[in-house]
Amino acid sequence: MTVTPLHLAVRHEHVAGEPTAPIVALHELVAALAPADRHDERVEDAFQAVLNADAILTGSFSKTLDTAIGPMRWTGYPPVDNNAFWYTACAVTYLGSADGVRGWWLHYTQRRDQLGDPLHLLTLIAPCACGTYLHADIPSEDALIAMLNELDTPPGAPVTCDHRLRIRAASYADQDHASFEPPF
């Protein structure tokens, strides 16, 4: 084991023509950025999520979601950093409800895979008959068609609490019916 002795740093004055230390450059950059500028970037991220969501529907769900949901019907949300998790910008659209109270939602977000390539994720959020909400990822138009075809409830109505439904089996969240609050 090697131990490097700690020496008090000698104050180094910047000499003209000498490259600026990275920490000095960082402080200069941060001082030049106003919090309002950062807010504008976050709003732009939310708007970009709306544009991406529309593009995904047009490109990958052209016969279903793109036809049913008009362009720019999304609400964008900026990224959130709550010190425990980093939530990327997302977009959400309301799909409707049979009872006018508990509705269906479509959620879009973007993540990165192991190689750093963007992954566009669509999640269908549906009310359950027990009063909770369930979430199901929609990887493709064929998966969406299969999920909706196996439901035996009227369009927009809560789905039954049947764990065998593919809509529940494909879900990564709320397997135990824990979410009683409306999603948005």
N, C-alpha and C. Protein backbone atom coordinates (compact mmCIF):
# COMPACT_ATOMS: atom_id res chain seq x y z
N MET A 1 0.84 -1.16 0.00
CA MET A 1 0.00 0.00 0.00
C MET A 1 0.89 1.23 0.00
N THR A 2 0.54 2.17 -0.84
CA THR A 2 1.29 3.41 -0.93
C THR A 2 0.48 4.53 -0.30
N VAL A 3 1.13 5.29 0.52
CA VAL A 3 0.47 6.44 1.14
C VAL A 3 1.17 7.69 0.64
N THR A 4 0.39 8.58 0.08
CA THR A 4 0.94 9.84 -0.40
C THR A 4 0.75 10.88 0.69
N PRO A 5 1.83 11.50 1.13
CA PRO A 5 1.68 12.51 2.19
C PRO A 5 0.91 13.72 1.67
N LEU A 6 0.09 14.28 2.52
CA LEU A 6 -0.70 15.45 2.17
C LEU A 6 0.12 16.69 2.45
N HIS A 7 0.29 17.50 1.45
CA HIS A 7 0.98 18.78 1.60
C HIS A 7 -0.02 19.89 1.37
N LEU A 8 0.09 20.92 2.13
CA LEU A 8 -0.77 22.06 1.93
C LEU A 8 -0.46 22.66 0.57
N ALA A 9 -1.51 22.97 -0.13
CA ALA A 9 -1.35 23.51 -1.48
C ALA A 9 -0.79 24.92 -1.41
N VAL A 10 0.08 25.18 -2.31
CA VAL A 10 0.64 26.52 -2.42
C VAL A 10 -0.27 27.30 -3.35
N ARG A 11 -0.68 28.47 -2.94
CA ARG A 11 -1.55 29.29 -3.78
C ARG A 11 -0.80 29.65 -5.05
N HIS A 12 -1.43 29.36 -6.16
CA HIS A 12 -0.81 29.59 -7.45
C HIS A 12 -1.55 30.72 -8.14
N GLU A 13 -0.87 31.76 -8.43
CA GLU A 13 -1.46 32.89 -9.14
C GLU A 13 -1.40 32.59 -10.63
N HIS A 14 -2.47 32.93 -11.32
CA HIS A 14 -2.54 32.69 -12.77
C HIS A 14 -1.60 33.65 -13.50
N VAL A 15 -0.76 33.08 -14.32
CA VAL A 15 0.17 33.87 -15.11
C VAL A 15 -0.39 33.96 -16.53
N ALA A 16 -0.38 35.16 -17.10
CA ALA A 16 -0.90 35.36 -18.45
C ALA A 16 -0.18 34.44 -19.42
N GLY A 17 -0.96 33.80 -20.31
CA GLY A 17 -0.39 32.91 -21.30
C GLY A 17 -0.34 31.47 -20.83
N GLU A 18 -0.46 31.23 -19.54
CA GLU A 18 -0.45 29.87 -18.99
C GLU A 18 -1.89 29.34 -19.05
N PRO A 19 -2.09 28.07 -19.36
CA PRO A 19 -3.45 27.53 -19.45
C PRO A 19 -4.17 27.65 -18.09
N THR A 20 -5.46 27.92 -18.15
CA THR A 20 -6.26 28.04 -16.94
C THR A 20 -6.54 26.66 -16.37
N ALA A 21 -6.48 26.54 -15.05
CA ALA A 21 -6.77 25.27 -14.40
C ALA A 21 -8.23 24.91 -14.63
N PRO A 22 -8.56 23.63 -14.77
CA PRO A 22 -9.95 23.23 -15.03
C PRO A 22 -10.93 23.73 -13.97
N ILE A 23 -10.53 23.75 -12.72
CA ILE A 23 -11.45 24.20 -11.69
C ILE A 23 -11.75 25.69 -11.83
N VAL A 24 -10.77 26.46 -12.25
CA VAL A 24 -10.99 27.89 -12.47
C VAL A 24 -11.93 28.08 -13.65
N ALA A 25 -11.70 27.33 -14.72
CA ALA A 25 -12.58 27.42 -15.89
C ALA A 25 -14.00 27.00 -15.54
N LEU A 26 -14.14 25.97 -14.70
CA LEU A 26 -15.46 25.51 -14.28
C LEU A 26 -16.20 26.59 -13.51
N HIS A 27 -15.50 27.24 -12.58
CA HIS A 27 -16.13 28.32 -11.81
C HIS A 27 -16.54 29.48 -12.71
N GLU A 28 -15.73 29.79 -13.69
CA GLU A 28 -16.08 30.87 -14.61
C GLU A 28 -17.32 30.51 -15.44
N LEU A 29 -17.42 29.25 -15.88
CA LEU A 29 -18.57 28.81 -16.64
C LEU A 29 -19.85 28.84 -15.80
N VAL A 30 -19.75 28.35 -14.56
CA VAL A 30 -20.92 28.33 -13.68
C VAL A 30 -21.37 29.74 -13.36
N ALA A 31 -20.43 30.65 -13.14
CA ALA A 31 -20.79 32.03 -12.83
C ALA A 31 -21.53 32.69 -14.00
N ALA A 32 -21.21 32.25 -15.21
CA ALA A 32 -21.85 32.84 -16.38
C ALA A 32 -23.25 32.30 -16.63
N LEU A 33 -23.59 31.14 -16.02
CA LEU A 33 -24.91 30.55 -16.21
C LEU A 33 -25.86 31.04 -15.12
N ALA A 34 -26.95 31.57 -15.52
CA ALA A 34 -27.96 32.01 -14.56
C ALA A 34 -28.96 30.87 -14.35
N PRO A 35 -29.57 30.77 -13.16
CA PRO A 35 -30.59 29.73 -12.96
C PRO A 35 -31.71 29.80 -13.98
N ALA A 36 -32.06 30.97 -14.46
CA ALA A 36 -33.11 31.09 -15.47
C ALA A 36 -32.70 30.39 -16.76
N ASP A 37 -31.41 30.43 -17.11
CA ASP A 37 -30.94 29.72 -18.30
C ASP A 37 -31.16 28.22 -18.14
N ARG A 38 -30.87 27.70 -16.96
CA ARG A 38 -31.05 26.28 -16.70
C ARG A 38 -32.53 25.90 -16.78
N HIS A 39 -33.41 26.81 -16.30
CA HIS A 39 -34.85 26.56 -16.38
C HIS A 39 -35.28 26.47 -17.84
N ASP A 40 -34.75 27.34 -18.68
CA ASP A 40 -35.09 27.32 -20.10
C ASP A 40 -34.66 26.00 -20.74
N GLU A 41 -33.50 25.48 -20.35
CA GLU A 41 -33.02 24.20 -20.88
C GLU A 41 -33.96 23.07 -20.46
N ARG A 42 -34.47 23.11 -19.23
CA ARG A 42 -35.38 22.08 -18.74
C ARG A 42 -36.70 22.12 -19.50
N VAL A 43 -37.18 23.32 -19.80
CA VAL A 43 -38.40 23.46 -20.58
C VAL A 43 -38.17 22.92 -22.00
N GLU A 44 -37.01 23.20 -22.56
CA GLU A 44 -36.68 22.66 -23.88
C GLU A 44 -36.64 21.14 -23.86
N ASP A 45 -36.13 20.55 -22.77
CA ASP A 45 -36.11 19.09 -22.63
C ASP A 45 -37.53 18.52 -22.63
N ALA A 46 -38.44 19.19 -21.94
CA ALA A 46 -39.83 18.73 -21.89
C ALA A 46 -40.46 18.82 -23.28
N PHE A 47 -40.19 19.91 -23.99
CA PHE A 47 -40.73 20.06 -25.35
C PHE A 47 -40.13 19.00 -26.28
N GLN A 48 -38.86 18.70 -26.11
CA GLN A 48 -38.22 17.66 -26.93
C GLN A 48 -38.86 16.30 -26.65
N ALA A 49 -39.26 16.04 -25.41
CA ALA A 49 -39.94 14.78 -25.08
C ALA A 49 -41.28 14.69 -25.83
N VAL A 50 -41.99 15.80 -25.93
CA VAL A 50 -43.25 15.84 -26.68
C VAL A 50 -42.99 15.53 -28.16
N LEU A 51 -41.97 16.16 -28.73
CA LEU A 51 -41.64 15.91 -30.15
C LEU A 51 -41.23 14.46 -30.37
N ASN A 52 -40.43 13.91 -29.45
CA ASN A 52 -40.01 12.51 -29.57
C ASN A 52 -41.20 11.57 -29.48
N ALA A 53 -42.13 11.85 -28.55
CA ALA A 53 -43.31 11.00 -28.40
C ALA A 53 -44.12 10.98 -29.69
N ASP A 54 -44.34 12.16 -30.28
CA ASP A 54 -45.06 12.23 -31.55
C ASP A 54 -44.33 11.45 -32.64
N ALA A 55 -43.01 11.56 -32.68
CA ALA A 55 -42.23 10.86 -33.71
C ALA A 55 -42.30 9.35 -33.53
N ILE A 56 -42.27 8.87 -32.28
CA ILE A 56 -42.36 7.43 -32.03
C ILE A 56 -43.72 6.90 -32.48
N LEU A 57 -44.79 7.64 -32.19
CA LEU A 57 -46.11 7.20 -32.63
C LEU A 57 -46.20 7.15 -34.14
N THR A 58 -45.67 8.16 -34.80
CA THR A 58 -45.70 8.22 -36.25
C THR A 58 -44.89 7.08 -36.87
N GLY A 59 -43.71 6.83 -36.32
CA GLY A 59 -42.82 5.83 -36.90
C GLY A 59 -43.13 4.40 -36.53
N SER A 60 -43.52 4.14 -35.27
CA SER A 60 -43.65 2.76 -34.80
C SER A 60 -45.09 2.32 -34.53
N PHE A 61 -46.00 3.26 -34.39
CA PHE A 61 -47.38 2.92 -34.08
C PHE A 61 -48.34 3.62 -35.06
N SER A 62 -47.99 3.57 -36.34
CA SER A 62 -48.70 4.35 -37.35
C SER A 62 -50.15 3.89 -37.56
N LYS A 63 -50.45 2.63 -37.31
CA LYS A 63 -51.81 2.14 -37.54
C LYS A 63 -52.70 2.21 -36.30
N THR A 64 -52.12 2.47 -35.15
CA THR A 64 -52.90 2.47 -33.91
C THR A 64 -52.82 3.82 -33.20
N LEU A 65 -51.80 4.00 -32.40
CA LEU A 65 -51.69 5.20 -31.56
C LEU A 65 -51.59 6.48 -32.36
N ASP A 66 -50.84 6.47 -33.45
CA ASP A 66 -50.68 7.68 -34.25
C ASP A 66 -52.01 8.13 -34.86
N THR A 67 -52.84 7.17 -35.22
CA THR A 67 -54.14 7.48 -35.79
C THR A 67 -55.11 7.97 -34.72
N ALA A 68 -55.06 7.37 -33.52
CA ALA A 68 -56.00 7.70 -32.45
C ALA A 68 -55.64 8.99 -31.71
N ILE A 69 -54.36 9.28 -31.59
CA ILE A 69 -53.90 10.46 -30.84
C ILE A 69 -53.43 11.50 -31.84
N GLY A 70 -54.03 12.66 -31.79
CA GLY A 70 -53.63 13.72 -32.71
C GLY A 70 -52.23 14.23 -32.38
N PRO A 71 -51.62 14.92 -33.34
CA PRO A 71 -50.28 15.46 -33.09
C PRO A 71 -50.30 16.53 -32.00
N MET A 72 -49.25 16.57 -31.25
CA MET A 72 -49.02 17.56 -30.18
C MET A 72 -50.13 17.51 -29.12
N ARG A 73 -50.62 16.33 -28.80
CA ARG A 73 -51.62 16.15 -27.75
C ARG A 73 -50.97 15.75 -26.43
N TRP A 74 -49.67 15.90 -26.35
CA TRP A 74 -48.90 15.48 -25.19
C TRP A 74 -48.66 16.65 -24.26
N THR A 75 -48.45 16.35 -22.99
CA THR A 75 -48.00 17.32 -22.00
C THR A 75 -46.58 16.93 -21.62
N GLY A 76 -45.63 17.83 -21.79
CA GLY A 76 -44.24 17.54 -21.48
C GLY A 76 -43.89 17.92 -20.05
N TYR A 77 -43.05 17.11 -19.44
CA TYR A 77 -42.57 17.36 -18.08
C TYR A 77 -41.04 17.41 -18.11
N PRO A 78 -40.44 18.42 -17.49
CA PRO A 78 -38.97 18.53 -17.51
C PRO A 78 -38.33 17.47 -16.63
N PRO A 79 -37.03 17.25 -16.78
CA PRO A 79 -36.34 16.28 -15.92
C PRO A 79 -36.37 16.74 -14.47
N VAL A 80 -36.34 15.77 -13.57
CA VAL A 80 -36.40 16.06 -12.14
C VAL A 80 -35.22 15.37 -11.46
N ASP A 81 -34.54 16.08 -10.62
CA ASP A 81 -33.46 15.51 -9.81
C ASP A 81 -33.86 15.69 -8.36
N ASN A 82 -34.21 14.57 -7.71
CA ASN A 82 -34.65 14.67 -6.32
C ASN A 82 -33.60 14.12 -5.34
N ASN A 83 -32.36 14.13 -5.73
CA ASN A 83 -31.21 13.68 -4.94
C ASN A 83 -31.16 12.16 -4.74
N ALA A 84 -32.25 11.45 -4.95
CA ALA A 84 -32.22 10.00 -4.85
C ALA A 84 -32.24 9.36 -6.23
N PHE A 85 -33.01 9.97 -7.14
CA PHE A 85 -33.13 9.44 -8.49
C PHE A 85 -33.07 10.59 -9.47
N TRP A 86 -32.71 10.26 -10.69
CA TRP A 86 -32.74 11.25 -11.76
C TRP A 86 -33.82 10.80 -12.71
N TYR A 87 -34.85 11.62 -12.88
CA TYR A 87 -35.93 11.32 -13.80
C TYR A 87 -35.74 12.17 -15.05
N THR A 88 -35.73 11.52 -16.19
CA THR A 88 -35.55 12.25 -17.45
C THR A 88 -36.84 12.96 -17.83
N ALA A 89 -36.74 13.84 -18.79
CA ALA A 89 -37.93 14.51 -19.30
C ALA A 89 -38.88 13.45 -19.86
N CYS A 90 -40.17 13.71 -19.74
CA CYS A 90 -41.15 12.75 -20.24
C CYS A 90 -42.34 13.51 -20.83
N ALA A 91 -43.21 12.76 -21.47
CA ALA A 91 -44.44 13.32 -22.03
C ALA A 91 -45.58 12.35 -21.71
N VAL A 92 -46.76 12.92 -21.49
CA VAL A 92 -47.92 12.13 -21.11
C VAL A 92 -49.12 12.62 -21.91
N THR A 93 -49.98 11.69 -22.31
CA THR A 93 -51.24 12.08 -22.94
C THR A 93 -52.37 11.26 -22.33
N TYR A 94 -53.52 11.91 -22.19
CA TYR A 94 -54.70 11.28 -21.62
C TYR A 94 -55.46 10.58 -22.73
N LEU A 95 -55.80 9.30 -22.52
CA LEU A 95 -56.47 8.52 -23.54
C LEU A 95 -57.98 8.45 -23.36
N GLY A 96 -58.47 8.86 -22.21
CA GLY A 96 -59.91 8.85 -21.98
C GLY A 96 -60.31 7.89 -20.88
N SER A 97 -61.64 7.89 -20.62
CA SER A 97 -62.18 7.10 -19.53
C SER A 97 -63.62 6.73 -19.85
N ALA A 98 -64.05 5.56 -19.39
CA ALA A 98 -65.44 5.16 -19.57
C ALA A 98 -66.33 5.82 -18.54
N ASP A 99 -65.81 6.06 -17.33
CA ASP A 99 -66.62 6.64 -16.26
C ASP A 99 -66.35 8.13 -16.04
N GLY A 100 -65.41 8.70 -16.77
CA GLY A 100 -65.11 10.11 -16.62
C GLY A 100 -64.30 10.45 -15.39
N VAL A 101 -63.90 9.44 -14.64
CA VAL A 101 -63.15 9.67 -13.39
C VAL A 101 -61.75 9.08 -13.47
N ARG A 102 -61.67 7.80 -13.70
CA ARG A 102 -60.38 7.11 -13.73
C ARG A 102 -60.06 6.74 -15.16
N GLY A 103 -59.08 7.42 -15.73
CA GLY A 103 -58.80 7.24 -17.13
C GLY A 103 -57.53 6.48 -17.45
N TRP A 104 -57.35 6.25 -18.74
CA TRP A 104 -56.18 5.61 -19.30
C TRP A 104 -55.20 6.70 -19.74
N TRP A 105 -53.90 6.40 -19.61
CA TRP A 105 -52.84 7.35 -19.95
C TRP A 105 -51.78 6.65 -20.78
N LEU A 106 -51.06 7.42 -21.55
CA LEU A 106 -49.90 6.93 -22.28
C LEU A 106 -48.71 7.79 -21.87
N HIS A 107 -47.64 7.15 -21.45
CA HIS A 107 -46.45 7.83 -20.93
C HIS A 107 -45.27 7.53 -21.83
N TYR A 108 -44.50 8.55 -22.16
CA TYR A 108 -43.29 8.40 -22.98
C TYR A 108 -42.09 8.91 -22.20
N THR A 109 -41.01 8.18 -22.24
CA THR A 109 -39.74 8.66 -21.70
C THR A 109 -38.61 8.04 -22.52
N GLN A 110 -37.43 8.61 -22.37
CA GLN A 110 -36.26 8.13 -23.09
C GLN A 110 -35.18 7.78 -22.09
N ARG A 111 -34.54 6.65 -22.29
CA ARG A 111 -33.42 6.23 -21.46
C ARG A 111 -32.27 5.84 -22.37
N ARG A 112 -31.17 5.47 -21.80
CA ARG A 112 -30.01 5.02 -22.58
C ARG A 112 -29.74 3.54 -22.27
N ASP A 113 -29.35 2.79 -23.29
CA ASP A 113 -28.97 1.39 -23.07
C ASP A 113 -27.51 1.32 -22.64
N GLN A 114 -26.98 0.13 -22.52
CA GLN A 114 -25.60 -0.05 -22.06
C GLN A 114 -24.58 0.59 -22.99
N LEU A 115 -24.92 0.71 -24.26
CA LEU A 115 -24.00 1.32 -25.23
C LEU A 115 -24.17 2.83 -25.34
N GLY A 116 -25.14 3.37 -24.62
CA GLY A 116 -25.39 4.80 -24.67
C GLY A 116 -26.37 5.23 -25.74
N ASP A 117 -26.94 4.25 -26.45
CA ASP A 117 -27.93 4.56 -27.49
C ASP A 117 -29.28 4.85 -26.84
N PRO A 118 -30.07 5.76 -27.41
CA PRO A 118 -31.36 6.09 -26.80
C PRO A 118 -32.39 4.96 -26.95
N LEU A 119 -33.15 4.74 -25.89
CA LEU A 119 -34.27 3.80 -25.89
C LEU A 119 -35.53 4.63 -25.66
N HIS A 120 -36.50 4.50 -26.52
CA HIS A 120 -37.74 5.23 -26.39
C HIS A 120 -38.76 4.28 -25.76
N LEU A 121 -39.29 4.64 -24.60
CA LEU A 121 -40.17 3.76 -23.85
C LEU A 121 -41.58 4.33 -23.79
N LEU A 122 -42.55 3.54 -24.21
CA LEU A 122 -43.96 3.89 -24.08
C LEU A 122 -44.57 2.98 -23.03
N THR A 123 -45.36 3.56 -22.14
CA THR A 123 -46.01 2.80 -21.08
C THR A 123 -47.49 3.13 -21.09
N LEU A 124 -48.31 2.10 -21.13
CA LEU A 124 -49.75 2.26 -21.03
C LEU A 124 -50.11 2.17 -19.55
N ILE A 125 -50.85 3.16 -19.06
CA ILE A 125 -51.26 3.20 -17.65
C ILE A 125 -52.78 3.08 -17.65
N ALA A 126 -53.28 2.01 -17.02
CA ALA A 126 -54.71 1.71 -17.04
C ALA A 126 -55.26 1.58 -15.63
N PRO A 127 -56.52 2.02 -15.42
CA PRO A 127 -57.14 1.81 -14.12
C PRO A 127 -57.53 0.35 -13.97
N CYS A 128 -57.41 -0.16 -12.77
CA CYS A 128 -57.79 -1.53 -12.46
C CYS A 128 -59.13 -1.50 -11.73
N ALA A 129 -59.90 -2.55 -11.84
CA ALA A 129 -61.22 -2.61 -11.22
C ALA A 129 -61.16 -2.49 -9.69
N CYS A 130 -60.02 -2.83 -9.10
CA CYS A 130 -59.89 -2.76 -7.64
C CYS A 130 -59.63 -1.34 -7.15
N GLY A 131 -59.44 -0.39 -8.05
CA GLY A 131 -59.23 1.00 -7.65
C GLY A 131 -57.79 1.48 -7.79
N THR A 132 -56.90 0.62 -8.23
CA THR A 132 -55.50 1.01 -8.42
C THR A 132 -55.24 1.26 -9.90
N TYR A 133 -53.98 1.52 -10.23
CA TYR A 133 -53.55 1.66 -11.62
C TYR A 133 -52.49 0.62 -11.90
N LEU A 134 -52.46 0.14 -13.13
CA LEU A 134 -51.38 -0.76 -13.52
C LEU A 134 -50.67 -0.18 -14.72
N HIS A 135 -49.42 -0.57 -14.89
CA HIS A 135 -48.54 -0.03 -15.93
C HIS A 135 -48.05 -1.19 -16.79
N ALA A 136 -48.09 -1.00 -18.09
CA ALA A 136 -47.58 -2.03 -19.00
C ALA A 136 -46.74 -1.36 -20.07
N ASP A 137 -45.50 -1.82 -20.22
CA ASP A 137 -44.65 -1.31 -21.29
C ASP A 137 -45.18 -1.78 -22.63
N ILE A 138 -45.08 -0.91 -23.62
CA ILE A 138 -45.55 -1.24 -24.97
C ILE A 138 -44.34 -1.24 -25.89
N PRO A 139 -43.74 -2.41 -26.12
CA PRO A 139 -42.53 -2.46 -26.95
C PRO A 139 -42.79 -2.32 -28.44
N SER A 140 -44.01 -2.65 -28.89
CA SER A 140 -44.28 -2.60 -30.33
C SER A 140 -45.78 -2.46 -30.56
N GLU A 141 -46.12 -2.17 -31.80
CA GLU A 141 -47.54 -2.06 -32.17
C GLU A 141 -48.24 -3.40 -32.02
N ASP A 142 -47.55 -4.49 -32.35
CA ASP A 142 -48.14 -5.83 -32.20
C ASP A 142 -48.45 -6.13 -30.74
N ALA A 143 -47.57 -5.73 -29.83
CA ALA A 143 -47.80 -5.96 -28.40
C ALA A 143 -49.01 -5.16 -27.92
N LEU A 144 -49.16 -3.94 -28.40
CA LEU A 144 -50.31 -3.12 -28.03
C LEU A 144 -51.60 -3.78 -28.52
N ILE A 145 -51.60 -4.25 -29.76
CA ILE A 145 -52.78 -4.91 -30.32
C ILE A 145 -53.14 -6.14 -29.51
N ALA A 146 -52.15 -6.96 -29.16
CA ALA A 146 -52.40 -8.17 -28.37
C ALA A 146 -52.97 -7.81 -27.00
N MET A 147 -52.42 -6.79 -26.35
CA MET A 147 -52.91 -6.40 -25.02
C MET A 147 -54.35 -5.94 -25.08
N LEU A 148 -54.67 -5.07 -26.02
CA LEU A 148 -56.01 -4.53 -26.08
C LEU A 148 -57.03 -5.57 -26.55
N ASN A 149 -56.62 -6.50 -27.41
CA ASN A 149 -57.54 -7.54 -27.88
C ASN A 149 -57.91 -8.53 -26.79
N GLU A 150 -57.06 -8.74 -25.80
CA GLU A 150 -57.37 -9.72 -24.77
C GLU A 150 -58.22 -9.13 -23.64
N LEU A 151 -58.41 -7.83 -23.62
CA LEU A 151 -59.24 -7.22 -22.59
C LEU A 151 -60.71 -7.49 -22.89
N ASP A 152 -61.47 -7.82 -21.84
CA ASP A 152 -62.91 -8.08 -22.02
C ASP A 152 -63.76 -6.96 -21.43
N THR A 153 -63.17 -5.80 -21.23
CA THR A 153 -63.90 -4.65 -20.71
C THR A 153 -64.16 -3.66 -21.84
N PRO A 154 -65.17 -2.82 -21.67
CA PRO A 154 -65.43 -1.80 -22.71
C PRO A 154 -64.24 -0.84 -22.82
N PRO A 155 -64.07 -0.19 -23.97
CA PRO A 155 -62.96 0.77 -24.13
C PRO A 155 -63.02 1.88 -23.07
N GLY A 156 -61.90 2.08 -22.41
CA GLY A 156 -61.79 3.12 -21.40
C GLY A 156 -62.20 2.70 -20.01
N ALA A 157 -62.77 1.51 -19.87
CA ALA A 157 -63.19 1.02 -18.56
C ALA A 157 -62.00 0.42 -17.82
N PRO A 158 -62.08 0.35 -16.49
CA PRO A 158 -61.01 -0.31 -15.74
C PRO A 158 -60.88 -1.78 -16.14
N VAL A 159 -59.66 -2.30 -16.11
CA VAL A 159 -59.42 -3.70 -16.44
C VAL A 159 -59.65 -4.54 -15.20
N THR A 160 -59.91 -5.81 -15.41
CA THR A 160 -60.17 -6.71 -14.28
C THR A 160 -58.86 -7.07 -13.58
N CYS A 161 -58.98 -7.46 -12.34
CA CYS A 161 -57.81 -7.85 -11.54
C CYS A 161 -57.41 -9.29 -11.87
N ASP A 162 -57.03 -9.54 -13.07
CA ASP A 162 -56.64 -10.88 -13.48
C ASP A 162 -55.14 -10.88 -13.74
N HIS A 163 -54.40 -11.57 -12.89
CA HIS A 163 -52.94 -11.57 -13.01
C HIS A 163 -52.46 -12.28 -14.26
N ARG A 164 -53.33 -13.07 -14.92
CA ARG A 164 -52.91 -13.80 -16.11
C ARG A 164 -52.92 -12.94 -17.36
N LEU A 165 -53.53 -11.76 -17.31
CA LEU A 165 -53.54 -10.91 -18.48
C LEU A 165 -52.12 -10.53 -18.88
N ARG A 166 -51.86 -10.55 -20.16
CA ARG A 166 -50.53 -10.14 -20.63
C ARG A 166 -50.25 -8.69 -20.29
N ILE A 167 -51.30 -7.87 -20.19
CA ILE A 167 -51.07 -6.46 -19.88
C ILE A 167 -50.43 -6.34 -18.49
N ARG A 168 -50.78 -7.25 -17.58
CA ARG A 168 -50.18 -7.22 -16.25
C ARG A 168 -48.85 -7.98 -16.26
N ALA A 169 -48.79 -9.08 -16.95
CA ALA A 169 -47.57 -9.89 -16.96
C ALA A 169 -46.41 -9.14 -17.60
N ALA A 170 -46.69 -8.25 -18.55
CA ALA A 170 -45.63 -7.51 -19.22
C ALA A 170 -45.20 -6.28 -18.43
N SER A 171 -45.89 -6.00 -17.35
CA SER A 171 -45.62 -4.79 -16.59
C SER A 171 -44.46 -5.00 -15.62
N TYR A 172 -43.63 -3.96 -15.48
CA TYR A 172 -42.54 -3.99 -14.52
C TYR A 172 -42.90 -3.28 -13.23
N ALA A 173 -44.01 -2.57 -13.24
CA ALA A 173 -44.37 -1.77 -12.07
C ALA A 173 -45.76 -2.15 -11.59
N ASP A 174 -46.02 -1.91 -10.33
CA ASP A 174 -47.34 -2.05 -9.73
C ASP A 174 -47.88 -3.47 -9.85
N GLN A 175 -47.04 -4.48 -9.71
CA GLN A 175 -47.51 -5.86 -9.76
C GLN A 175 -48.43 -6.19 -8.59
N ASP A 176 -48.27 -5.46 -7.49
CA ASP A 176 -49.05 -5.77 -6.29
C ASP A 176 -50.18 -4.78 -6.06
N HIS A 177 -50.59 -4.03 -7.07
CA HIS A 177 -51.70 -3.07 -6.95
C HIS A 177 -51.46 -2.05 -5.85
N ALA A 178 -50.33 -1.41 -5.85
CA ALA A 178 -49.98 -0.49 -4.76
C ALA A 178 -50.27 0.97 -5.07
N SER A 179 -50.60 1.32 -6.30
CA SER A 179 -50.74 2.72 -6.68
C SER A 179 -52.22 3.11 -6.74
N PHE A 180 -52.70 3.84 -5.72
CA PHE A 180 -54.10 4.25 -5.68
C PHE A 180 -54.31 5.65 -6.24
N GLU A 181 -53.25 6.41 -6.42
CA GLU A 181 -53.39 7.78 -6.90
C GLU A 181 -53.42 7.82 -8.42
N PRO A 182 -54.19 8.75 -8.99
CA PRO A 182 -54.14 8.92 -10.44
C PRO A 182 -52.72 9.23 -10.87
N PRO A 183 -52.29 8.72 -12.01
CA PRO A 183 -50.89 8.89 -12.39
C PRO A 183 -50.48 10.34 -12.70
N PHE A 184 -51.40 11.16 -13.20
CA PHE A 184 -51.02 12.53 -13.55
C PHE A 184 -52.14 13.47 -13.24
